[in-house]
Amino acid sequence: MFFIMGITQGRKSFDYNQMMVCEHCGSYGRYQVYMTYMCLSLFFIPCLKWDRQYYVQSTCCNTVYSLAPEIGKRIARGDNIEIRPEHLTRVQAGYKSRVKRCSNCGFETQEEFEYCPKCGRRF
């Protein structure tokens, strides 16, 4: 008789919506909350989870913050709670996308054009 078991890292995203102004890039965005954990599986069935950590990622520049565990647990239960700056610790700084999109034709570019090369309208 033999056992098939393994230890893997998992990630679970939560359905959470809160608008915010990013401290890193200054743009409007929203928070995306997720949890990472380690998992022991027997015969490909998850049996035990440990080392749960909660994170928040901003949609504007993808900056990642560590979320206070008590707030993360409440969000995981489905509570509608407001995330405040004192609940967050920055883990990884994000980046601001340099993609420009024409409002007339939808053309996207990373170049520093003042006018759209496709339709000629000002960006």
PDB file of N, CA and C in Angstrom:
ATOM      1  N   MET A   1       0.841  -1.166   0.000  1.00  0.00           N
ATOM      2  CA  MET A   1       0.000   0.000   0.000  1.00  0.00           C
ATOM      3  C   MET A   1       0.897   1.243   0.000  1.00  0.00           C
ATOM      4  N   PHE A   2       0.488   2.257  -0.725  1.00  0.00           N
ATOM      5  CA  PHE A   2       1.255   3.500  -0.761  1.00  0.00           C
ATOM      6  C   PHE A   2       0.293   4.681  -0.695  1.00  0.00           C
ATOM      7  N   PHE A   3       0.847   5.822  -0.260  1.00  0.00           N
ATOM      8  CA  PHE A   3       0.075   7.054  -0.129  1.00  0.00           C
ATOM      9  C   PHE A   3       0.598   8.088  -1.105  1.00  0.00           C
ATOM     10  N   ILE A   4      -0.306   8.812  -1.721  1.00  0.00           N
ATOM     11  CA  ILE A   4       0.075   9.940  -2.563  1.00  0.00           C
ATOM     12  C   ILE A   4      -0.258  11.195  -1.774  1.00  0.00           C
ATOM     13  N   MET A   5       0.776  11.930  -1.390  1.00  0.00           N
ATOM     14  CA  MET A   5       0.565  13.152  -0.630  1.00  0.00           C
ATOM     15  C   MET A   5       1.526  14.220  -1.102  1.00  0.00           C
ATOM     16  N   GLY A   6       1.168  15.448  -0.839  1.00  0.00           N
ATOM     17  CA  GLY A   6       2.021  16.556  -1.245  1.00  0.00           C
ATOM     18  C   GLY A   6       1.686  17.817  -0.479  1.00  0.00           C
ATOM     19  N   ILE A   7       2.650  18.723  -0.490  1.00  0.00           N
ATOM     20  CA  ILE A   7       2.474  20.028   0.144  1.00  0.00           C
ATOM     21  C   ILE A   7       2.594  21.076  -0.947  1.00  0.00           C
ATOM     22  N   THR A   8       1.575  21.936  -1.051  1.00  0.00           N
ATOM     23  CA  THR A   8       1.570  22.974  -2.075  1.00  0.00           C
ATOM     24  C   THR A   8       1.170  24.305  -1.456  1.00  0.00           C
ATOM     25  N   GLN A   9       1.452  25.358  -2.203  1.00  0.00           N
ATOM     26  CA  GLN A   9       1.011  26.684  -1.784  1.00  0.00           C
ATOM     27  C   GLN A   9      -0.235  27.038  -2.590  1.00  0.00           C
ATOM     28  N   GLY A  10      -1.239  27.572  -1.916  1.00  0.00           N
ATOM     29  CA  GLY A  10      -2.483  27.932  -2.579  1.00  0.00           C
ATOM     30  C   GLY A  10      -2.779  29.409  -2.443  1.00  0.00           C
ATOM     31  N   ARG A  11      -3.722  29.861  -3.257  1.00  0.00           N
ATOM     32  CA  ARG A  11      -4.152  31.255  -3.234  1.00  0.00           C
ATOM     33  C   ARG A  11      -5.651  31.290  -3.467  1.00  0.00           C
ATOM     34  N   LYS A  12      -6.345  32.088  -2.649  1.00  0.00           N
ATOM     35  CA  LYS A  12      -7.786  32.238  -2.804  1.00  0.00           C
ATOM     36  C   LYS A  12      -8.118  33.721  -2.859  1.00  0.00           C
ATOM     37  N   SER A  13      -8.817  34.144  -3.903  1.00  0.00           N
ATOM     38  CA  SER A  13      -9.241  35.529  -4.048  1.00  0.00           C
ATOM     39  C   SER A  13     -10.640  35.690  -3.468  1.00  0.00           C
ATOM     40  N   PHE A  14     -10.889  36.842  -2.867  1.00  0.00           N
ATOM     41  CA  PHE A  14     -12.187  37.127  -2.263  1.00  0.00           C
ATOM     42  C   PHE A  14     -12.931  38.163  -3.090  1.00  0.00           C
ATOM     43  N   ASP A  15     -14.254  38.086  -3.055  1.00  0.00           N
ATOM     44  CA  ASP A  15     -15.106  39.044  -3.747  1.00  0.00           C
ATOM     45  C   ASP A  15     -15.267  40.255  -2.830  1.00  0.00           C
ATOM     46  N   TYR A  16     -14.379  41.240  -3.004  1.00  0.00           N
ATOM     47  CA  TYR A  16     -14.364  42.416  -2.143  1.00  0.00           C
ATOM     48  C   TYR A  16     -14.162  43.645  -3.010  1.00  0.00           C
ATOM     49  N   ASN A  17     -14.978  44.673  -2.826  1.00  0.00           N
ATOM     50  CA  ASN A  17     -14.870  45.901  -3.610  1.00  0.00           C
ATOM     51  C   ASN A  17     -14.808  47.107  -2.692  1.00  0.00           C
ATOM     52  N   GLN A  18     -13.709  47.842  -2.801  1.00  0.00           N
ATOM     53  CA  GLN A  18     -13.573  49.112  -2.095  1.00  0.00           C
ATOM     54  C   GLN A  18     -12.752  50.040  -2.974  1.00  0.00           C
ATOM     55  N   MET A  19     -13.332  51.166  -3.312  1.00  0.00           N
ATOM     56  CA  MET A  19     -12.625  52.168  -4.105  1.00  0.00           C
ATOM     57  C   MET A  19     -11.627  52.898  -3.211  1.00  0.00           C
ATOM     58  N   MET A  20     -10.510  53.360  -3.813  1.00  0.00           N
ATOM     59  CA  MET A  20      -9.501  54.058  -3.030  1.00  0.00           C
ATOM     60  C   MET A  20      -8.658  54.933  -3.950  1.00  0.00           C
ATOM     61  N   VAL A  21      -7.915  55.843  -3.328  1.00  0.00           N
ATOM     62  CA  VAL A  21      -6.890  56.623  -4.023  1.00  0.00           C
ATOM     63  C   VAL A  21      -5.560  56.053  -3.571  1.00  0.00           C
ATOM     64  N   CYS A  22      -4.771  55.573  -4.508  1.00  0.00           N
ATOM     65  CA  CYS A  22      -3.527  54.868  -4.202  1.00  0.00           C
ATOM     66  C   CYS A  22      -2.488  55.816  -3.595  1.00  0.00           C
ATOM     67  N   GLU A  23      -1.877  55.385  -2.486  1.00  0.00           N
ATOM     68  CA  GLU A  23      -0.813  56.166  -1.861  1.00  0.00           C
ATOM     69  C   GLU A  23       0.461  56.122  -2.683  1.00  0.00           C
ATOM     70  N   HIS A  24       0.636  55.074  -3.479  1.00  0.00           N
ATOM     71  CA  HIS A  24       1.867  54.906  -4.252  1.00  0.00           C
ATOM     72  C   HIS A  24       1.875  55.725  -5.543  1.00  0.00           C
ATOM     73  N   CYS A  25       0.805  55.627  -6.345  1.00  0.00           N
ATOM     74  CA  CYS A  25       0.802  56.300  -7.651  1.00  0.00           C
ATOM     75  C   CYS A  25      -0.163  57.479  -7.720  1.00  0.00           C
ATOM     76  N   GLY A  26      -1.089  57.607  -6.757  1.00  0.00           N
ATOM     77  CA  GLY A  26      -2.027  58.724  -6.738  1.00  0.00           C
ATOM     78  C   GLY A  26      -3.245  58.555  -7.625  1.00  0.00           C
ATOM     79  N   SER A  27      -3.411  57.404  -8.242  1.00  0.00           N
ATOM     80  CA  SER A  27      -4.551  57.163  -9.133  1.00  0.00           C
ATOM     81  C   SER A  27      -5.718  56.538  -8.372  1.00  0.00           C
ATOM     82  N   TYR A  28      -6.895  56.613  -9.002  1.00  0.00           N
ATOM     83  CA  TYR A  28      -8.052  55.912  -8.459  1.00  0.00           C
ATOM     84  C   TYR A  28      -7.946  54.441  -8.810  1.00  0.00           C
ATOM     85  N   GLY A  29      -8.405  53.600  -7.922  1.00  0.00           N
ATOM     86  CA  GLY A  29      -8.402  52.160  -8.152  1.00  0.00           C
ATOM     87  C   GLY A  29      -9.289  51.482  -7.137  1.00  0.00           C
ATOM     88  N   ARG A  30      -9.126  50.179  -7.003  1.00  0.00           N
ATOM     89  CA  ARG A  30      -9.857  49.439  -5.978  1.00  0.00           C
ATOM     90  C   ARG A  30      -8.937  48.372  -5.413  1.00  0.00           C
ATOM     91  N   TYR A  31      -9.318  47.877  -4.247  1.00  0.00           N
ATOM     92  CA  TYR A  31      -8.547  46.840  -3.584  1.00  0.00           C
ATOM     93  C   TYR A  31      -9.020  45.461  -4.034  1.00  0.00           C
ATOM     94  N   GLN A  32      -8.072  44.564  -4.288  1.00  0.00           N
ATOM     95  CA  GLN A  32      -8.352  43.160  -4.529  1.00  0.00           C
ATOM     96  C   GLN A  32      -7.735  42.397  -3.358  1.00  0.00           C
ATOM     97  N   VAL A  33      -8.542  41.672  -2.616  1.00  0.00           N
ATOM     98  CA  VAL A  33      -8.081  40.971  -1.419  1.00  0.00           C
ATOM     99  C   VAL A  33      -7.939  39.485  -1.737  1.00  0.00           C
ATOM    100  N   TYR A  34      -6.817  38.894  -1.300  1.00  0.00           N
ATOM    101  CA  TYR A  34      -6.610  37.468  -1.476  1.00  0.00           C
ATOM    102  C   TYR A  34      -5.844  36.896  -0.290  1.00  0.00           C
ATOM    103  N   MET A  35      -5.881  35.573  -0.163  1.00  0.00           N
ATOM    104  CA  MET A  35      -5.219  34.862   0.917  1.00  0.00           C
ATOM    105  C   MET A  35      -4.272  33.833   0.310  1.00  0.00           C
ATOM    106  N   THR A  36      -3.080  33.697   0.887  1.00  0.00           N
ATOM    107  CA  THR A  36      -2.169  32.623   0.507  1.00  0.00           C
ATOM    108  C   THR A  36      -2.067  31.665   1.691  1.00  0.00           C
ATOM    109  N   TYR A  37      -1.814  30.401   1.401  1.00  0.00           N
ATOM    110  CA  TYR A  37      -1.739  29.385   2.447  1.00  0.00           C
ATOM    111  C   TYR A  37      -0.919  28.204   1.955  1.00  0.00           C
ATOM    112  N   MET A  38      -0.459  27.381   2.889  1.00  0.00           N
ATOM    113  CA  MET A  38       0.183  26.105   2.581  1.00  0.00           C
ATOM    114  C   MET A  38      -0.859  25.019   2.798  1.00  0.00           C
ATOM    115  N   CYS A  39      -0.793  23.965   1.987  1.00  0.00           N
ATOM    116  CA  CYS A  39      -1.832  22.945   2.026  1.00  0.00           C
ATOM    117  C   CYS A  39      -1.220  21.546   1.908  1.00  0.00           C
ATOM    118  N   LEU A  40      -1.671  20.642   2.784  1.00  0.00           N
ATOM    119  CA  LEU A  40      -1.297  19.235   2.714  1.00  0.00           C
ATOM    120  C   LEU A  40      -2.428  18.495   2.010  1.00  0.00           C
ATOM    121  N   SER A  41      -2.077  17.764   0.958  1.00  0.00           N
ATOM    122  CA  SER A  41      -3.078  17.010   0.188  1.00  0.00           C
ATOM    123  C   SER A  41      -2.770  15.519   0.266  1.00  0.00           C
ATOM    124  N   LEU A  42      -3.820  14.729   0.471  1.00  0.00           N
ATOM    125  CA  LEU A  42      -3.721  13.270   0.415  1.00  0.00           C
ATOM    126  C   LEU A  42      -4.581  12.793  -0.732  1.00  0.00           C
ATOM    127  N   PHE A  43      -3.984  12.068  -1.639  1.00  0.00           N
ATOM    128  CA  PHE A  43      -4.675  11.599  -2.837  1.00  0.00           C
ATOM    129  C   PHE A  43      -5.336  12.765  -3.576  1.00  0.00           C
ATOM    130  N   PHE A  44      -4.624  13.884  -3.672  1.00  0.00           N
ATOM    131  CA  PHE A  44      -5.040  15.093  -4.389  1.00  0.00           C
ATOM    132  C   PHE A  44      -6.246  15.796  -3.762  1.00  0.00           C
ATOM    133  N   ILE A  45      -6.563  15.459  -2.516  1.00  0.00           N
ATOM    134  CA  ILE A  45      -7.652  16.110  -1.791  1.00  0.00           C
ATOM    135  C   ILE A  45      -7.046  16.965  -0.688  1.00  0.00           C
ATOM    136  N   PRO A  46      -7.292  18.290  -0.683  1.00  0.00           N
ATOM    137  CA  PRO A  46      -6.732  19.141   0.369  1.00  0.00           C
ATOM    138  C   PRO A  46      -7.280  18.751   1.743  1.00  0.00           C
ATOM    139  N   CYS A  47      -6.376  18.511   2.684  1.00  0.00           N
ATOM    140  CA  CYS A  47      -6.796  18.060   4.019  1.00  0.00           C
ATOM    141  C   CYS A  47      -6.498  19.073   5.117  1.00  0.00           C
ATOM    142  N   LEU A  48      -5.374  19.755   5.019  1.00  0.00           N
ATOM    143  CA  LEU A  48      -4.954  20.630   6.097  1.00  0.00           C
ATOM    144  C   LEU A  48      -4.344  21.904   5.505  1.00  0.00           C
ATOM    145  N   LYS A  49      -4.804  23.055   5.998  1.00  0.00           N
ATOM    146  CA  LYS A  49      -4.261  24.345   5.554  1.00  0.00           C
ATOM    147  C   LYS A  49      -3.634  25.047   6.748  1.00  0.00           C
ATOM    148  N   TRP A  50      -2.490  25.688   6.518  1.00  0.00           N
ATOM    149  CA  TRP A  50      -1.832  26.465   7.561  1.00  0.00           C
ATOM    150  C   TRP A  50      -1.079  27.629   6.933  1.00  0.00           C
ATOM    151  N   ASP A  51      -0.526  28.480   7.770  1.00  0.00           N
ATOM    152  CA  ASP A  51       0.240  29.662   7.350  1.00  0.00           C
ATOM    153  C   ASP A  51      -0.594  30.568   6.442  1.00  0.00           C
ATOM    154  N   ARG A  52      -1.783  30.908   6.902  1.00  0.00           N
ATOM    155  CA  ARG A  52      -2.669  31.785   6.128  1.00  0.00           C
ATOM    156  C   ARG A  52      -2.212  33.229   6.283  1.00  0.00           C
ATOM    157  N   GLN A  53      -2.043  33.895   5.148  1.00  0.00           N
ATOM    158  CA  GLN A  53      -1.658  35.304   5.136  1.00  0.00           C
ATOM    159  C   GLN A  53      -2.567  36.032   4.161  1.00  0.00           C
ATOM    160  N   TYR A  54      -2.972  37.237   4.544  1.00  0.00           N
ATOM    161  CA  TYR A  54      -3.915  38.013   3.753  1.00  0.00           C
ATOM    162  C   TYR A  54      -3.190  39.183   3.103  1.00  0.00           C
ATOM    163  N   TYR A  55      -3.517  39.429   1.839  1.00  0.00           N
ATOM    164  CA  TYR A  55      -2.879  40.495   1.069  1.00  0.00           C
ATOM    165  C   TYR A  55      -3.929  41.316   0.339  1.00  0.00           C
ATOM    166  N   VAL A  56      -3.544  42.544   0.014  1.00  0.00           N
ATOM    167  CA  VAL A  56      -4.375  43.453  -0.764  1.00  0.00           C
ATOM    168  C   VAL A  56      -3.529  43.935  -1.935  1.00  0.00           C
ATOM    169  N   GLN A  57      -4.107  43.936  -3.136  1.00  0.00           N
ATOM    170  CA  GLN A  57      -3.419  44.432  -4.324  1.00  0.00           C
ATOM    171  C   GLN A  57      -4.256  45.538  -4.929  1.00  0.00           C
ATOM    172  N   SER A  58      -3.615  46.656  -5.257  1.00  0.00           N
ATOM    173  CA  SER A  58      -4.343  47.768  -5.878  1.00  0.00           C
ATOM    174  C   SER A  58      -4.442  47.523  -7.381  1.00  0.00           C
ATOM    175  N   THR A  59      -5.572  47.917  -7.971  1.00  0.00           N
ATOM    176  CA  THR A  59      -5.780  47.680  -9.403  1.00  0.00           C
ATOM    177  C   THR A  59      -5.098  48.729 -10.269  1.00  0.00           C
ATOM    178  N   CYS A  60      -4.746  49.869  -9.700  1.00  0.00           N
ATOM    179  CA  CYS A  60      -4.178  50.943 -10.511  1.00  0.00           C
ATOM    180  C   CYS A  60      -2.709  50.688 -10.856  1.00  0.00           C
ATOM    181  N   CYS A  61      -1.897  50.283  -9.882  1.00  0.00           N
ATOM    182  CA  CYS A  61      -0.456  50.111 -10.133  1.00  0.00           C
ATOM    183  C   CYS A  61       0.063  48.766  -9.635  1.00  0.00           C
ATOM    184  N   ASN A  62      -0.817  47.897  -9.163  1.00  0.00           N
ATOM    185  CA  ASN A  62      -0.475  46.554  -8.680  1.00  0.00           C
ATOM    186  C   ASN A  62       0.436  46.538  -7.460  1.00  0.00           C
ATOM    187  N   THR A  63       0.363  47.563  -6.627  1.00  0.00           N
ATOM    188  CA  THR A  63       1.108  47.566  -5.376  1.00  0.00           C
ATOM    189  C   THR A  63       0.480  46.536  -4.443  1.00  0.00           C
ATOM    190  N   VAL A  64       1.316  45.746  -3.760  1.00  0.00           N
ATOM    191  CA  VAL A  64       0.836  44.693  -2.871  1.00  0.00           C
ATOM    192  C   VAL A  64       1.074  45.111  -1.420  1.00  0.00           C
ATOM    193  N   TYR A  65       0.037  44.955  -0.604  1.00  0.00           N
ATOM    194  CA  TYR A  65       0.091  45.269   0.821  1.00  0.00           C
ATOM    195  C   TYR A  65      -0.241  44.012   1.622  1.00  0.00           C
ATOM    196  N   SER A  66       0.385  43.866   2.784  1.00  0.00           N
ATOM    197  CA  SER A  66       0.011  42.829   3.734  1.00  0.00           C
ATOM    198  C   SER A  66      -1.153  43.370   4.554  1.00  0.00           C
ATOM    199  N   LEU A  67      -2.180  42.562   4.737  1.00  0.00           N
ATOM    200  CA  LEU A  67      -3.378  42.979   5.450  1.00  0.00           C
ATOM    201  C   LEU A  67      -3.362  42.392   6.858  1.00  0.00           C
ATOM    202  N   ALA A  68      -3.815  43.170   7.831  1.00  0.00           N
ATOM    203  CA  ALA A  68      -3.893  42.692   9.214  1.00  0.00           C
ATOM    204  C   ALA A  68      -4.733  41.419   9.270  1.00  0.00           C
ATOM    205  N   PRO A  69      -4.257  40.377   9.976  1.00  0.00           N
ATOM    206  CA  PRO A  69      -4.960  39.081   9.968  1.00  0.00           C
ATOM    207  C   PRO A  69      -6.403  39.148  10.444  1.00  0.00           C
ATOM    208  N   GLU A  70      -6.709  39.965  11.447  1.00  0.00           N
ATOM    209  CA  GLU A  70      -8.086  40.015  11.934  1.00  0.00           C
ATOM    210  C   GLU A  70      -9.028  40.622  10.897  1.00  0.00           C
ATOM    211  N   ILE A  71      -8.550  41.583  10.118  1.00  0.00           N
ATOM    212  CA  ILE A  71      -9.360  42.174   9.046  1.00  0.00           C
ATOM    213  C   ILE A  71      -9.528  41.167   7.909  1.00  0.00           C
ATOM    214  N   GLY A  72      -8.451  40.457   7.571  1.00  0.00           N
ATOM    215  CA  GLY A  72      -8.513  39.444   6.521  1.00  0.00           C
ATOM    216  C   GLY A  72      -9.490  38.329   6.853  1.00  0.00           C
ATOM    217  N   LYS A  73      -9.510  37.901   8.106  1.00  0.00           N
ATOM    218  CA  LYS A  73     -10.443  36.843   8.516  1.00  0.00           C
ATOM    219  C   LYS A  73     -11.890  37.312   8.415  1.00  0.00           C
ATOM    220  N   ARG A  74     -12.134  38.571   8.755  1.00  0.00           N
ATOM    221  CA  ARG A  74     -13.505  39.106   8.658  1.00  0.00           C
ATOM    222  C   ARG A  74     -13.955  39.196   7.207  1.00  0.00           C
ATOM    223  N   ILE A  75     -13.041  39.585   6.305  1.00  0.00           N
ATOM    224  CA  ILE A  75     -13.374  39.645   4.871  1.00  0.00           C
ATOM    225  C   ILE A  75     -13.618  38.236   4.340  1.00  0.00           C
ATOM    226  N   ALA A  76     -12.823  37.266   4.790  1.00  0.00           N
ATOM    227  CA  ALA A  76     -13.004  35.874   4.358  1.00  0.00           C
ATOM    228  C   ALA A  76     -14.360  35.325   4.802  1.00  0.00           C
ATOM    229  N   ARG A  77     -14.867  35.777   5.947  1.00  0.00           N
ATOM    230  CA  ARG A  77     -16.190  35.356   6.424  1.00  0.00           C
ATOM    231  C   ARG A  77     -17.309  36.026   5.650  1.00  0.00           C
ATOM    232  N   GLY A  78     -17.004  37.076   4.900  1.00  0.00           N
ATOM    233  CA  GLY A  78     -18.020  37.765   4.113  1.00  0.00           C
ATOM    234  C   GLY A  78     -18.471  39.078   4.698  1.00  0.00           C
ATOM    235  N   ASP A  79     -17.829  39.534   5.784  1.00  0.00           N
ATOM    236  CA  ASP A  79     -18.179  40.817   6.375  1.00  0.00           C
ATOM    237  C   ASP A  79     -17.810  41.954   5.434  1.00  0.00           C
ATOM    238  N   ASN A  80     -18.634  42.981   5.405  1.00  0.00           N
ATOM    239  CA  ASN A  80     -18.361  44.161   4.583  1.00  0.00           C
ATOM    240  C   ASN A  80     -17.666  45.194   5.476  1.00  0.00           C
ATOM    241  N   ILE A  81     -16.351  45.162   5.497  1.00  0.00           N
ATOM    242  CA  ILE A  81     -15.549  46.015   6.369  1.00  0.00           C
ATOM    243  C   ILE A  81     -14.683  46.931   5.517  1.00  0.00           C
ATOM    244  N   GLU A  82     -14.432  48.128   6.007  1.00  0.00           N
ATOM    245  CA  GLU A  82     -13.596  49.084   5.282  1.00  0.00           C
ATOM    246  C   GLU A  82     -12.129  48.862   5.640  1.00  0.00           C
ATOM    247  N   ILE A  83     -11.289  48.790   4.616  1.00  0.00           N
ATOM    248  CA  ILE A  83      -9.844  48.663   4.832  1.00  0.00           C
ATOM    249  C   ILE A  83      -9.272  50.065   4.969  1.00  0.00           C
ATOM    250  N   ARG A  84      -8.599  50.321   6.073  1.00  0.00           N
ATOM    251  CA  ARG A  84      -7.984  51.618   6.331  1.00  0.00           C
ATOM    252  C   ARG A  84      -6.470  51.511   6.186  1.00  0.00           C
ATOM    253  N   PRO A  85      -5.783  52.647   5.986  1.00  0.00           N
ATOM    254  CA  PRO A  85      -4.321  52.610   5.821  1.00  0.00           C
ATOM    255  C   PRO A  85      -3.578  51.961   6.990  1.00  0.00           C
ATOM    256  N   GLU A  86      -4.113  52.045   8.213  1.00  0.00           N
ATOM    257  CA  GLU A  86      -3.419  51.434   9.350  1.00  0.00           C
ATOM    258  C   GLU A  86      -3.523  49.910   9.345  1.00  0.00           C
ATOM    259  N   HIS A  87      -4.392  49.338   8.503  1.00  0.00           N
ATOM    260  CA  HIS A  87      -4.509  47.887   8.371  1.00  0.00           C
ATOM    261  C   HIS A  87      -3.499  47.329   7.366  1.00  0.00           C
ATOM    262  N   LEU A  88      -2.821  48.197   6.625  1.00  0.00           N
ATOM    263  CA  LEU A  88      -1.963  47.769   5.518  1.00  0.00           C
ATOM    264  C   LEU A  88      -0.484  48.020   5.801  1.00  0.00           C
ATOM    265  N   THR A  89       0.358  47.125   5.305  1.00  0.00           N
ATOM    266  CA  THR A  89       1.812  47.287   5.319  1.00  0.00           C
ATOM    267  C   THR A  89       2.294  46.972   3.914  1.00  0.00           C
ATOM    268  N   ARG A  90       2.986  47.927   3.279  1.00  0.00           N
ATOM    269  CA  ARG A  90       3.405  47.707   1.892  1.00  0.00           C
ATOM    270  C   ARG A  90       4.468  46.621   1.816  1.00  0.00           C
ATOM    271  N   VAL A  91       4.236  45.663   0.905  1.00  0.00           N
ATOM    272  CA  VAL A  91       5.138  44.540   0.704  1.00  0.00           C
ATOM    273  C   VAL A  91       5.940  44.726  -0.578  1.00  0.00           C
ATOM    274  N   GLN A  92       5.258  45.151  -1.639  1.00  0.00           N
ATOM    275  CA  GLN A  92       5.897  45.288  -2.945  1.00  0.00           C
ATOM    276  C   GLN A  92       5.316  46.505  -3.649  1.00  0.00           C
ATOM    277  N   ALA A  93       6.194  47.416  -4.057  1.00  0.00           N
ATOM    278  CA  ALA A  93       5.748  48.607  -4.774  1.00  0.00           C
ATOM    279  C   ALA A  93       5.332  48.218  -6.188  1.00  0.00           C
ATOM    280  N   GLY A  94       4.307  48.864  -6.673  1.00  0.00           N
ATOM    281  CA  GLY A  94       3.796  48.576  -8.007  1.00  0.00           C
ATOM    282  C   GLY A  94       4.405  49.476  -9.058  1.00  0.00           C
ATOM    283  N   TYR A  95       3.813  49.474 -10.198  1.00  0.00           N
ATOM    284  CA  TYR A  95       4.265  50.274 -11.321  1.00  0.00           C
ATOM    285  C   TYR A  95       3.056  50.899 -11.997  1.00  0.00           C
ATOM    286  N   LYS A  96       3.239  52.057 -12.524  1.00  0.00           N
ATOM    287  CA  LYS A  96       2.174  52.746 -13.254  1.00  0.00           C
ATOM    288  C   LYS A  96       2.293  52.377 -14.722  1.00  0.00           C
ATOM    289  N   SER A  97       1.226  51.924 -15.289  1.00  0.00           N
ATOM    290  CA  SER A  97       1.220  51.535 -16.697  1.00  0.00           C
ATOM    291  C   SER A  97       1.415  52.769 -17.576  1.00  0.00           C
ATOM    292  N   ARG A  98       2.249  52.634 -18.586  1.00  0.00           N
ATOM    293  CA  ARG A  98       2.517  53.748 -19.490  1.00  0.00           C
ATOM    294  C   ARG A  98       1.724  53.616 -20.785  1.00  0.00           C
ATOM    295  N   VAL A  99       0.736  52.772 -20.822  1.00  0.00           N
ATOM    296  CA  VAL A  99      -0.057  52.573 -22.034  1.00  0.00           C
ATOM    297  C   VAL A  99      -1.056  53.705 -22.161  1.00  0.00           C
ATOM    298  N   LYS A 100      -1.051  54.353 -23.354  1.00  0.00           N
ATOM    299  CA  LYS A 100      -2.036  55.380 -23.664  1.00  0.00           C
ATOM    300  C   LYS A 100      -3.081  54.770 -24.580  1.00  0.00           C
ATOM    301  N   ARG A 101      -4.328  55.147 -24.363  1.00  0.00           N
ATOM    302  CA  ARG A 101      -5.412  54.637 -25.195  1.00  0.00           C
ATOM    303  C   ARG A 101      -6.181  55.818 -25.780  1.00  0.00           C
ATOM    304  N   CYS A 102      -6.401  55.782 -27.084  1.00  0.00           N
ATOM    305  CA  CYS A 102      -7.157  56.824 -27.766  1.00  0.00           C
ATOM    306  C   CYS A 102      -8.638  56.677 -27.411  1.00  0.00           C
ATOM    307  N   SER A 103      -9.255  57.777 -26.994  1.00  0.00           N
ATOM    308  CA  SER A 103     -10.671  57.741 -26.618  1.00  0.00           C
ATOM    309  C   SER A 103     -11.578  57.651 -27.842  1.00  0.00           C
ATOM    310  N   ASN A 104     -11.048  57.970 -29.028  1.00  0.00           N
ATOM    311  CA  ASN A 104     -11.850  57.937 -30.248  1.00  0.00           C
ATOM    312  C   ASN A 104     -11.860  56.552 -30.890  1.00  0.00           C
ATOM    313  N   CYS A 105     -10.674  55.974 -31.148  1.00  0.00           N
ATOM    314  CA  CYS A 105     -10.610  54.710 -31.892  1.00  0.00           C
ATOM    315  C   CYS A 105     -10.141  53.523 -31.051  1.00  0.00           C
ATOM    316  N   GLY A 106      -9.628  53.766 -29.831  1.00  0.00           N
ATOM    317  CA  GLY A 106      -9.199  52.670 -28.967  1.00  0.00           C
ATOM    318  C   GLY A 106      -7.777  52.197 -29.202  1.00  0.00           C
ATOM    319  N   PHE A 107      -7.005  52.866 -30.065  1.00  0.00           N
ATOM    320  CA  PHE A 107      -5.627  52.479 -30.341  1.00  0.00           C
ATOM    321  C   PHE A 107      -4.791  52.630 -29.074  1.00  0.00           C
ATOM    322  N   GLU A 108      -3.951  51.614 -28.770  1.00  0.00           N
ATOM    323  CA  GLU A 108      -3.092  51.649 -27.594  1.00  0.00           C
ATOM    324  C   GLU A 108      -1.635  51.753 -28.013  1.00  0.00           C
ATOM    325  N   THR A 109      -0.872  52.571 -27.269  1.00  0.00           N
ATOM    326  CA  THR A 109       0.549  52.727 -27.535  1.00  0.00           C
ATOM    327  C   THR A 109       1.282  53.077 -26.253  1.00  0.00           C
ATOM    328  N   GLN A 110       2.574  52.783 -26.210  1.00  0.00           N
ATOM    329  CA  GLN A 110       3.406  53.161 -25.079  1.00  0.00           C
ATOM    330  C   GLN A 110       4.292  54.358 -25.427  1.00  0.00           C
ATOM    331  N   GLU A 111       4.200  54.822 -26.637  1.00  0.00           N
ATOM    332  CA  GLU A 111       4.983  55.974 -27.076  1.00  0.00           C
ATOM    333  C   GLU A 111       4.400  57.264 -26.522  1.00  0.00           C
ATOM    334  N   GLU A 112       5.192  58.311 -26.519  1.00  0.00           N
ATOM    335  CA  GLU A 112       4.783  59.609 -25.978  1.00  0.00           C
ATOM    336  C   GLU A 112       4.208  60.510 -27.076  1.00  0.00           C
ATOM    337  N   PHE A 113       3.210  60.018 -27.803  1.00  0.00           N
ATOM    338  CA  PHE A 113       2.556  60.809 -28.840  1.00  0.00           C
ATOM    339  C   PHE A 113       1.557  61.774 -28.213  1.00  0.00           C
ATOM    340  N   GLU A 114       1.391  62.953 -28.841  1.00  0.00           N
ATOM    341  CA  GLU A 114       0.323  63.868 -28.427  1.00  0.00           C
ATOM    342  C   GLU A 114      -0.945  63.585 -29.214  1.00  0.00           C
ATOM    343  N   TYR A 115      -0.780  63.036 -30.422  1.00  0.00           N
ATOM    344  CA  TYR A 115      -1.902  62.722 -31.292  1.00  0.00           C
ATOM    345  C   TYR A 115      -1.877  61.235 -31.622  1.00  0.00           C
ATOM    346  N   CYS A 116      -3.055  60.661 -31.792  1.00  0.00           N
ATOM    347  CA  CYS A 116      -3.184  59.246 -32.126  1.00  0.00           C
ATOM    348  C   CYS A 116      -2.637  58.987 -33.522  1.00  0.00           C
ATOM    349  N   PRO A 117      -1.699  58.035 -33.692  1.00  0.00           N
ATOM    350  CA  PRO A 117      -1.157  57.742 -35.025  1.00  0.00           C
ATOM    351  C   PRO A 117      -2.170  57.061 -35.944  1.00  0.00           C
ATOM    352  N   LYS A 118      -3.272  56.546 -35.413  1.00  0.00           N
ATOM    353  CA  LYS A 118      -4.250  55.858 -36.240  1.00  0.00           C
ATOM    354  C   LYS A 118      -5.330  56.795 -36.773  1.00  0.00           C
ATOM    355  N   CYS A 119      -5.898  57.639 -35.864  1.00  0.00           N
ATOM    356  CA  CYS A 119      -7.016  58.495 -36.303  1.00  0.00           C
ATOM    357  C   CYS A 119      -6.677  59.987 -36.270  1.00  0.00           C
ATOM    358  N   GLY A 120      -5.582  60.374 -35.635  1.00  0.00           N
ATOM    359  CA  GLY A 120      -5.157  61.774 -35.629  1.00  0.00           C
ATOM    360  C   GLY A 120      -5.758  62.637 -34.530  1.00  0.00           C
ATOM    361  N   ARG A 121      -6.577  62.072 -33.676  1.00  0.00           N
ATOM    362  CA  ARG A 121      -7.177  62.840 -32.587  1.00  0.00           C
ATOM    363  C   ARG A 121      -6.191  62.966 -31.433  1.00  0.00           C
ATOM    364  N   ARG A 122      -6.276  64.082 -30.698  1.00  0.00           N
ATOM    365  CA  ARG A 122      -5.396  64.329 -29.564  1.00  0.00           C
ATOM    366  C   ARG A 122      -5.685  63.346 -28.430  1.00  0.00           C
ATOM    367  N   PHE A 123      -4.601  62.788 -27.815  1.00  0.00           N
ATOM    368  CA  PHE A 123      -4.752  61.836 -26.703  1.00  0.00           C
ATOM    369  C   PHE A 123      -5.326  62.501 -25.501  1.00  0.00           C
TER     370      PHE A 123
END
